Amino acid sequence: RNLLINISMLTNIKSFLFKNKSFKQTIAKNSFRLLIAEFVSRLFTFLISLRVARALGVVEFGAYNFVMTYVIFFVLIVDF
C-alpha cells in the first residue's frame, strides 16, 4: 500500500513539474525555478568570495574589492 501511495505521489509530482495545465501553474513554476536559480547563484558567489578572501588575505582582498567597485561602477554607466 505504501509503495502504491509513493508511486502515485511521484506521478503527481512528475505531472506538476512537466505538464503545464494552466497559465497560473506556468507562472508559478517559472517563478519558483527563477527563485532557485537566483539562490544557487548567490550561494556560489558567496562561497567563491570566501575562497578568494582566504587566498588573498586582508590587504589584497581590500584592494581587490576597491578595484571591483570601480569596475562595476563604470560597467553600470556604460550599460545605462
PDB file of N, CA and C in Angstrom:
ATOM      1  N   ARG A   1       0.825  -1.197   0.000  1.00  0.00           N
ATOM      2  CA  ARG A   1       0.000   0.000   0.000  1.00  0.00           C
ATOM      3  C   ARG A   1       0.868   1.261   0.000  1.00  0.00           C
ATOM      4  N   ASN A   2       1.928   1.286   0.815  1.00  0.00           N
ATOM      5  CA  ASN A   2       2.802   2.457   0.848  1.00  0.00           C
ATOM      6  C   ASN A   2       3.499   2.672  -0.490  1.00  0.00           C
ATOM      7  N   LEU A   3       3.862   1.574  -1.144  1.00  0.00           N
ATOM      8  CA  LEU A   3       4.510   1.683  -2.443  1.00  0.00           C
ATOM      9  C   LEU A   3       3.564   2.299  -3.465  1.00  0.00           C
ATOM     10  N   LEU A   4       2.286   1.905  -3.396  1.00  0.00           N
ATOM     11  CA  LEU A   4       1.288   2.474  -4.302  1.00  0.00           C
ATOM     12  C   LEU A   4       1.127   3.967  -4.072  1.00  0.00           C
ATOM     13  N   ILE A   5       1.124   4.382  -2.818  1.00  0.00           N
ATOM     14  CA  ILE A   5       0.995   5.805  -2.489  1.00  0.00           C
ATOM     15  C   ILE A   5       2.213   6.566  -3.002  1.00  0.00           C
ATOM     16  N   ASN A   6       3.401   6.008  -2.814  1.00  0.00           N
ATOM     17  CA  ASN A   6       4.618   6.669  -3.275  1.00  0.00           C
ATOM     18  C   ASN A   6       4.655   6.797  -4.796  1.00  0.00           C
ATOM     19  N   ILE A   7       4.237   5.760  -5.509  1.00  0.00           N
ATOM     20  CA  ILE A   7       4.209   5.816  -6.969  1.00  0.00           C
ATOM     21  C   ILE A   7       3.199   6.853  -7.429  1.00  0.00           C
ATOM     22  N   SER A   8       2.054   6.882  -6.772  1.00  0.00           N
ATOM     23  CA  SER A   8       1.036   7.875  -7.105  1.00  0.00           C
ATOM     24  C   SER A   8       1.542   9.285  -6.840  1.00  0.00           C
ATOM     25  N   MET A   9       2.246   9.465  -5.727  1.00  0.00           N
ATOM     26  CA  MET A   9       2.785  10.773  -5.387  1.00  0.00           C
ATOM     27  C   MET A   9       3.831  11.197  -6.412  1.00  0.00           C
ATOM     28  N   LEU A  10       4.706  10.272  -6.811  1.00  0.00           N
ATOM     29  CA  LEU A  10       5.717  10.582  -7.818  1.00  0.00           C
ATOM     30  C   LEU A  10       5.080  10.935  -9.157  1.00  0.00           C
ATOM     31  N   THR A  11       4.014  10.245  -9.512  1.00  0.00           N
ATOM     32  CA  THR A  11       3.304  10.550 -10.751  1.00  0.00           C
ATOM     33  C   THR A  11       2.704  11.944 -10.698  1.00  0.00           C
ATOM     34  N   ASN A  12       2.133  12.310  -9.552  1.00  0.00           N
ATOM     35  CA  ASN A  12       1.560  13.648  -9.401  1.00  0.00           C
ATOM     36  C   ASN A  12       2.634  14.726  -9.468  1.00  0.00           C
ATOM     37  N   ILE A  13       3.763  14.480  -8.838  1.00  0.00           N
ATOM     38  CA  ILE A  13       4.860  15.450  -8.869  1.00  0.00           C
ATOM     39  C   ILE A  13       5.390  15.591 -10.294  1.00  0.00           C
ATOM     40  N   LYS A  14       5.563  14.472 -10.980  1.00  0.00           N
ATOM     41  CA  LYS A  14       6.037  14.499 -12.363  1.00  0.00           C
ATOM     42  C   LYS A  14       5.056  15.257 -13.253  1.00  0.00           C
ATOM     43  N   SER A  15       3.780  15.016 -13.058  1.00  0.00           N
ATOM     44  CA  SER A  15       2.760  15.723 -13.829  1.00  0.00           C
ATOM     45  C   SER A  15       2.802  17.217 -13.550  1.00  0.00           C
ATOM     46  N   PHE A  16       2.979  17.591 -12.287  1.00  0.00           N
ATOM     47  CA  PHE A  16       3.025  19.008 -11.924  1.00  0.00           C
ATOM     48  C   PHE A  16       4.256  19.690 -12.499  1.00  0.00           C
ATOM     49  N   LEU A  17       5.391  19.003 -12.477  1.00  0.00           N
ATOM     50  CA  LEU A  17       6.635  19.625 -12.927  1.00  0.00           C
ATOM     51  C   LEU A  17       6.749  19.727 -14.442  1.00  0.00           C
ATOM     52  N   PHE A  18       6.192  18.788 -15.174  1.00  0.00           N
ATOM     53  CA  PHE A  18       6.449  18.730 -16.604  1.00  0.00           C
ATOM     54  C   PHE A  18       5.245  19.005 -17.489  1.00  0.00           C
ATOM     55  N   LYS A  19       4.048  19.112 -16.932  1.00  0.00           N
ATOM     56  CA  LYS A  19       2.865  19.399 -17.740  1.00  0.00           C
ATOM     57  C   LYS A  19       2.240  20.696 -17.252  1.00  0.00           C
ATOM     58  N   ASN A  20       2.142  21.660 -18.160  1.00  0.00           N
ATOM     59  CA  ASN A  20       1.512  22.926 -17.815  1.00  0.00           C
ATOM     60  C   ASN A  20       0.019  22.839 -18.094  1.00  0.00           C
ATOM     61  N   LYS A  21      -0.758  22.897 -17.025  1.00  0.00           N
ATOM     62  CA  LYS A  21      -2.200  22.770 -17.172  1.00  0.00           C
ATOM     63  C   LYS A  21      -2.888  24.120 -17.255  1.00  0.00           C
ATOM     64  N   SER A  22      -2.274  25.140 -16.692  1.00  0.00           N
ATOM     65  CA  SER A  22      -2.889  26.463 -16.722  1.00  0.00           C
ATOM     66  C   SER A  22      -1.805  27.529 -16.773  1.00  0.00           C
ATOM     67  N   PHE A  23      -2.229  28.740 -17.087  1.00  0.00           N
ATOM     68  CA  PHE A  23      -1.307  29.864 -17.136  1.00  0.00           C
ATOM     69  C   PHE A  23      -0.740  30.150 -15.753  1.00  0.00           C
ATOM     70  N   LYS A  24      -1.564  30.052 -14.717  1.00  0.00           N
ATOM     71  CA  LYS A  24      -1.100  30.293 -13.341  1.00  0.00           C
ATOM     72  C   LYS A  24      -0.041  29.277 -12.934  1.00  0.00           C
ATOM     73  N   GLN A  25      -0.237  28.031 -13.318  1.00  0.00           N
ATOM     74  CA  GLN A  25       0.736  26.994 -12.985  1.00  0.00           C
ATOM     75  C   GLN A  25       2.065  27.264 -13.695  1.00  0.00           C
ATOM     76  N   THR A  26       2.001  27.702 -14.934  1.00  0.00           N
ATOM     77  CA  THR A  26       3.216  28.030 -15.674  1.00  0.00           C
ATOM     78  C   THR A  26       3.965  29.169 -14.997  1.00  0.00           C
ATOM     79  N   ILE A  27       3.247  30.215 -14.611  1.00  0.00           N
ATOM     80  CA  ILE A  27       3.861  31.358 -13.932  1.00  0.00           C
ATOM     81  C   ILE A  27       4.466  30.923 -12.601  1.00  0.00           C
ATOM     82  N   ALA A  28       3.742  30.115 -11.836  1.00  0.00           N
ATOM     83  CA  ALA A  28       4.230  29.665 -10.528  1.00  0.00           C
ATOM     84  C   ALA A  28       5.492  28.816 -10.677  1.00  0.00           C
ATOM     85  N   LYS A  29       5.502  27.895 -11.622  1.00  0.00           N
ATOM     86  CA  LYS A  29       6.675  27.037 -11.814  1.00  0.00           C
ATOM     87  C   LYS A  29       7.879  27.838 -12.287  1.00  0.00           C
ATOM     88  N   ASN A  30       7.665  28.737 -13.231  1.00  0.00           N
ATOM     89  CA  ASN A  30       8.782  29.544 -13.728  1.00  0.00           C
ATOM     90  C   ASN A  30       9.326  30.459 -12.641  1.00  0.00           C
ATOM     91  N   SER A  31       8.448  31.024 -11.827  1.00  0.00           N
ATOM     92  CA  SER A  31       8.892  31.878 -10.724  1.00  0.00           C
ATOM     93  C   SER A  31       9.698  31.077  -9.712  1.00  0.00           C
ATOM     94  N   PHE A  32       9.248  29.878  -9.401  1.00  0.00           N
ATOM     95  CA  PHE A  32       9.962  29.023  -8.460  1.00  0.00           C
ATOM     96  C   PHE A  32      11.339  28.651  -9.005  1.00  0.00           C
ATOM     97  N   ARG A  33      11.407  28.325 -10.280  1.00  0.00           N
ATOM     98  CA  ARG A  33      12.697  27.975 -10.884  1.00  0.00           C
ATOM     99  C   ARG A  33      13.653  29.162 -10.873  1.00  0.00           C
ATOM    100  N   LEU A  34      13.139  30.353 -11.156  1.00  0.00           N
ATOM    101  CA  LEU A  34      13.985  31.546 -11.102  1.00  0.00           C
ATOM    102  C   LEU A  34      14.465  31.814  -9.685  1.00  0.00           C
ATOM    103  N   LEU A  35      13.605  31.592  -8.705  1.00  0.00           N
ATOM    104  CA  LEU A  35      13.977  31.778  -7.304  1.00  0.00           C
ATOM    105  C   LEU A  35      15.104  30.820  -6.919  1.00  0.00           C
ATOM    106  N   ILE A  36      14.981  29.571  -7.299  1.00  0.00           N
ATOM    107  CA  ILE A  36      16.013  28.578  -7.002  1.00  0.00           C
ATOM    108  C   ILE A  36      17.320  28.939  -7.711  1.00  0.00           C
ATOM    109  N   ALA A  37      17.242  29.345  -8.970  1.00  0.00           N
ATOM    110  CA  ALA A  37      18.447  29.715  -9.718  1.00  0.00           C
ATOM    111  C   ALA A  37      19.133  30.921  -9.086  1.00  0.00           C
ATOM    112  N   GLU A  38      18.358  31.904  -8.649  1.00  0.00           N
ATOM    113  CA  GLU A  38      18.935  33.089  -8.005  1.00  0.00           C
ATOM    114  C   GLU A  38      19.604  32.712  -6.684  1.00  0.00           C
ATOM    115  N   PHE A  39      18.969  31.845  -5.918  1.00  0.00           N
ATOM    116  CA  PHE A  39      19.538  31.396  -4.649  1.00  0.00           C
ATOM    117  C   PHE A  39      20.864  30.664  -4.869  1.00  0.00           C
ATOM    118  N   VAL A  40      20.889  29.759  -5.829  1.00  0.00           N
ATOM    119  CA  VAL A  40      22.108  28.996  -6.114  1.00  0.00           C
ATOM    120  C   VAL A  40      23.213  29.931  -6.596  1.00  0.00           C
ATOM    121  N   SER A  41      22.867  30.880  -7.439  1.00  0.00           N
ATOM    122  CA  SER A  41      23.852  31.839  -7.937  1.00  0.00           C
ATOM    123  C   SER A  41      24.451  32.664  -6.802  1.00  0.00           C
ATOM    124  N   ARG A  42      23.612  33.155  -5.913  1.00  0.00           N
ATOM    125  CA  ARG A  42      24.112  33.951  -4.785  1.00  0.00           C
ATOM    126  C   ARG A  42      24.929  33.104  -3.813  1.00  0.00           C
ATOM    127  N   LEU A  43      24.530  31.860  -3.630  1.00  0.00           N
ATOM    128  CA  LEU A  43      25.289  30.971  -2.754  1.00  0.00           C
ATOM    129  C   LEU A  43      26.690  30.732  -3.315  1.00  0.00           C
ATOM    130  N   PHE A  44      26.781  30.442  -4.618  1.00  0.00           N
ATOM    131  CA  PHE A  44      28.093  30.236  -5.231  1.00  0.00           C
ATOM    132  C   PHE A  44      28.938  31.501  -5.177  1.00  0.00           C
ATOM    133  N   THR A  45      28.323  32.655  -5.403  1.00  0.00           N
ATOM    134  CA  THR A  45      29.055  33.920  -5.320  1.00  0.00           C
ATOM    135  C   THR A  45      29.617  34.122  -3.926  1.00  0.00           C
ATOM    136  N   PHE A  46      28.820  33.827  -2.917  1.00  0.00           N
ATOM    137  CA  PHE A  46      29.267  33.963  -1.533  1.00  0.00           C
ATOM    138  C   PHE A  46      30.423  33.013  -1.232  1.00  0.00           C
ATOM    139  N   LEU A  47      30.288  31.758  -1.649  1.00  0.00           N
ATOM    140  CA  LEU A  47      31.337  30.775  -1.390  1.00  0.00           C
ATOM    141  C   LEU A  47      32.632  31.118  -2.124  1.00  0.00           C
ATOM    142  N   ILE A  48      32.511  31.606  -3.342  1.00  0.00           N
ATOM    143  CA  ILE A  48      33.707  31.999  -4.091  1.00  0.00           C
ATOM    144  C   ILE A  48      34.374  33.198  -3.441  1.00  0.00           C
ATOM    145  N   SER A  49      33.573  34.162  -2.965  1.00  0.00           N
ATOM    146  CA  SER A  49      34.175  35.332  -2.316  1.00  0.00           C
ATOM    147  C   SER A  49      34.879  34.934  -1.019  1.00  0.00           C
ATOM    148  N   LEU A  50      34.350  33.955  -0.300  1.00  0.00           N
ATOM    149  CA  LEU A  50      35.047  33.457   0.887  1.00  0.00           C
ATOM    150  C   LEU A  50      36.390  32.842   0.511  1.00  0.00           C
ATOM    151  N   ARG A  51      36.383  32.070  -0.548  1.00  0.00           N
ATOM    152  CA  ARG A  51      37.619  31.413  -1.001  1.00  0.00           C
ATOM    153  C   ARG A  51      38.658  32.440  -1.456  1.00  0.00           C
ATOM    154  N   VAL A  52      38.212  33.445  -2.193  1.00  0.00           N
ATOM    155  CA  VAL A  52      39.120  34.494  -2.666  1.00  0.00           C
ATOM    156  C   VAL A  52      39.672  35.276  -1.486  1.00  0.00           C
ATOM    157  N   ALA A  53      38.824  35.581  -0.503  1.00  0.00           N
ATOM    158  CA  ALA A  53      39.272  36.331   0.676  1.00  0.00           C
ATOM    159  C   ALA A  53      40.341  35.559   1.444  1.00  0.00           C
ATOM    160  N   ARG A  54      40.163  34.277   1.579  1.00  0.00           N
ATOM    161  CA  ARG A  54      41.161  33.471   2.292  1.00  0.00           C
ATOM    162  C   ARG A  54      42.455  33.350   1.499  1.00  0.00           C
ATOM    163  N   ALA A  55      42.329  33.270   0.193  1.00  0.00           N
ATOM    164  CA  ALA A  55      43.522  33.117  -0.643  1.00  0.00           C
ATOM    165  C   ALA A  55      44.333  34.409  -0.722  1.00  0.00           C
ATOM    166  N   LEU A  56      43.661  35.555  -0.755  1.00  0.00           N
ATOM    167  CA  LEU A  56      44.363  36.825  -0.926  1.00  0.00           C
ATOM    168  C   LEU A  56      44.862  37.430   0.378  1.00  0.00           C
ATOM    169  N   GLY A  57      44.123  37.274   1.433  1.00  0.00           N
ATOM    170  CA  GLY A  57      44.476  37.940   2.679  1.00  0.00           C
ATOM    171  C   GLY A  57      43.730  39.263   2.800  1.00  0.00           C
ATOM    172  N   VAL A  58      43.888  39.915   3.934  1.00  0.00           N
ATOM    173  CA  VAL A  58      43.093  41.102   4.248  1.00  0.00           C
ATOM    174  C   VAL A  58      43.410  42.268   3.313  1.00  0.00           C
ATOM    175  N   VAL A  59      44.670  42.610   3.189  1.00  0.00           N
ATOM    176  CA  VAL A  59      45.059  43.790   2.401  1.00  0.00           C
ATOM    177  C   VAL A  59      44.758  43.586   0.918  1.00  0.00           C
ATOM    178  N   GLU A  60      45.139  42.446   0.381  1.00  0.00           N
ATOM    179  CA  GLU A  60      44.912  42.184  -1.037  1.00  0.00           C
ATOM    180  C   GLU A  60      43.425  42.076  -1.360  1.00  0.00           C
ATOM    181  N   PHE A  61      42.658  41.488  -0.449  1.00  0.00           N
ATOM    182  CA  PHE A  61      41.219  41.384  -0.688  1.00  0.00           C
ATOM    183  C   PHE A  61      40.572  42.763  -0.659  1.00  0.00           C
ATOM    184  N   GLY A  62      41.037  43.636   0.218  1.00  0.00           N
ATOM    185  CA  GLY A  62      40.537  45.008   0.239  1.00  0.00           C
ATOM    186  C   GLY A  62      40.840  45.726  -1.062  1.00  0.00           C
ATOM    187  N   ALA A  63      42.057  45.556  -1.572  1.00  0.00           N
ATOM    188  CA  ALA A  63      42.423  46.166  -2.856  1.00  0.00           C
ATOM    189  C   ALA A  63      41.589  45.580  -3.991  1.00  0.00           C
ATOM    190  N   TYR A  64      41.372  44.281  -3.956  1.00  0.00           N
ATOM    191  CA  TYR A  64      40.539  43.615  -4.964  1.00  0.00           C
ATOM    192  C   TYR A  64      39.129  44.192  -4.956  1.00  0.00           C
ATOM    193  N   ASN A  65      38.540  44.349  -3.780  1.00  0.00           N
ATOM    194  CA  ASN A  65      37.194  44.918  -3.689  1.00  0.00           C
ATOM    195  C   ASN A  65      37.158  46.367  -4.145  1.00  0.00           C
ATOM    196  N   PHE A  66      38.197  47.123  -3.844  1.00  0.00           N
ATOM    197  CA  PHE A  66      38.284  48.512  -4.276  1.00  0.00           C
ATOM    198  C   PHE A  66      38.266  48.598  -5.803  1.00  0.00           C
ATOM    199  N   VAL A  67      39.083  47.782  -6.444  1.00  0.00           N
ATOM    200  CA  VAL A  67      39.143  47.772  -7.907  1.00  0.00           C
ATOM    201  C   VAL A  67      37.821  47.291  -8.494  1.00  0.00           C
ATOM    202  N   MET A  68      37.257  46.239  -7.933  1.00  0.00           N
ATOM    203  CA  MET A  68      35.993  45.707  -8.451  1.00  0.00           C
ATOM    204  C   MET A  68      34.858  46.717  -8.314  1.00  0.00           C
ATOM    205  N   THR A  69      34.877  47.522  -7.259  1.00  0.00           N
ATOM    206  CA  THR A  69      33.856  48.551  -7.086  1.00  0.00           C
ATOM    207  C   THR A  69      33.909  49.547  -8.236  1.00  0.00           C
ATOM    208  N   TYR A  70      35.101  49.988  -8.598  1.00  0.00           N
ATOM    209  CA  TYR A  70      35.234  50.916  -9.721  1.00  0.00           C
ATOM    210  C   TYR A  70      34.855  50.265 -11.046  1.00  0.00           C
ATOM    211  N   VAL A  71      35.244  49.039 -11.241  1.00  0.00           N
ATOM    212  CA  VAL A  71      34.893  48.337 -12.481  1.00  0.00           C
ATOM    213  C   VAL A  71      33.380  48.229 -12.607  1.00  0.00           C
ATOM    214  N   ILE A  72      32.710  47.816 -11.551  1.00  0.00           N
ATOM    215  CA  ILE A  72      31.254  47.670 -11.583  1.00  0.00           C
ATOM    216  C   ILE A  72      30.583  49.020 -11.780  1.00  0.00           C
ATOM    217  N   PHE A  73      31.110  50.069 -11.154  1.00  0.00           N
ATOM    218  CA  PHE A  73      30.562  51.410 -11.314  1.00  0.00           C
ATOM    219  C   PHE A  73      30.603  51.834 -12.783  1.00  0.00           C
ATOM    220  N   PHE A  74      31.735  51.632 -13.455  1.00  0.00           N
ATOM    221  CA  PHE A  74      31.847  52.023 -14.855  1.00  0.00           C
ATOM    222  C   PHE A  74      31.040  51.112 -15.774  1.00  0.00           C
ATOM    223  N   VAL A  75      30.898  49.869 -15.429  1.00  0.00           N
ATOM    224  CA  VAL A  75      30.045  48.971 -16.210  1.00  0.00           C
ATOM    225  C   VAL A  75      28.599  49.438 -16.128  1.00  0.00           C
ATOM    226  N   LEU A  76      28.156  49.860 -14.956  1.00  0.00           N
ATOM    227  CA  LEU A  76      26.790  50.372 -14.818  1.00  0.00           C
ATOM    228  C   LEU A  76      26.577  51.619 -15.661  1.00  0.00           C
ATOM    229  N   ILE A  77      27.567  52.495 -15.715  1.00  0.00           N
ATOM    230  CA  ILE A  77      27.452  53.704 -16.537  1.00  0.00           C
ATOM    231  C   ILE A  77      27.369  53.336 -18.020  1.00  0.00           C
ATOM    232  N   VAL A  78      28.194  52.407 -18.456  1.00  0.00           N
ATOM    233  CA  VAL A  78      28.190  52.001 -19.860  1.00  0.00           C
ATOM    234  C   VAL A  78      26.878  51.305 -20.213  1.00  0.00           C
ATOM    235  N   ASP A  79      26.352  50.481 -19.326  1.00  0.00           N
ATOM    236  CA  ASP A  79      25.096  49.774 -19.587  1.00  0.00           C
ATOM    237  C   ASP A  79      23.889  50.693 -19.572  1.00  0.00           C
ATOM    238  N   PHE A  80      23.997  51.833 -18.913  1.00  0.00           N
ATOM    239  CA  PHE A  80      22.863  52.744 -18.799  1.00  0.00           C
ATOM    240  C   PHE A  80      22.572  53.324 -20.156  1.00  0.00           C
TER     241      PHE A  80
END
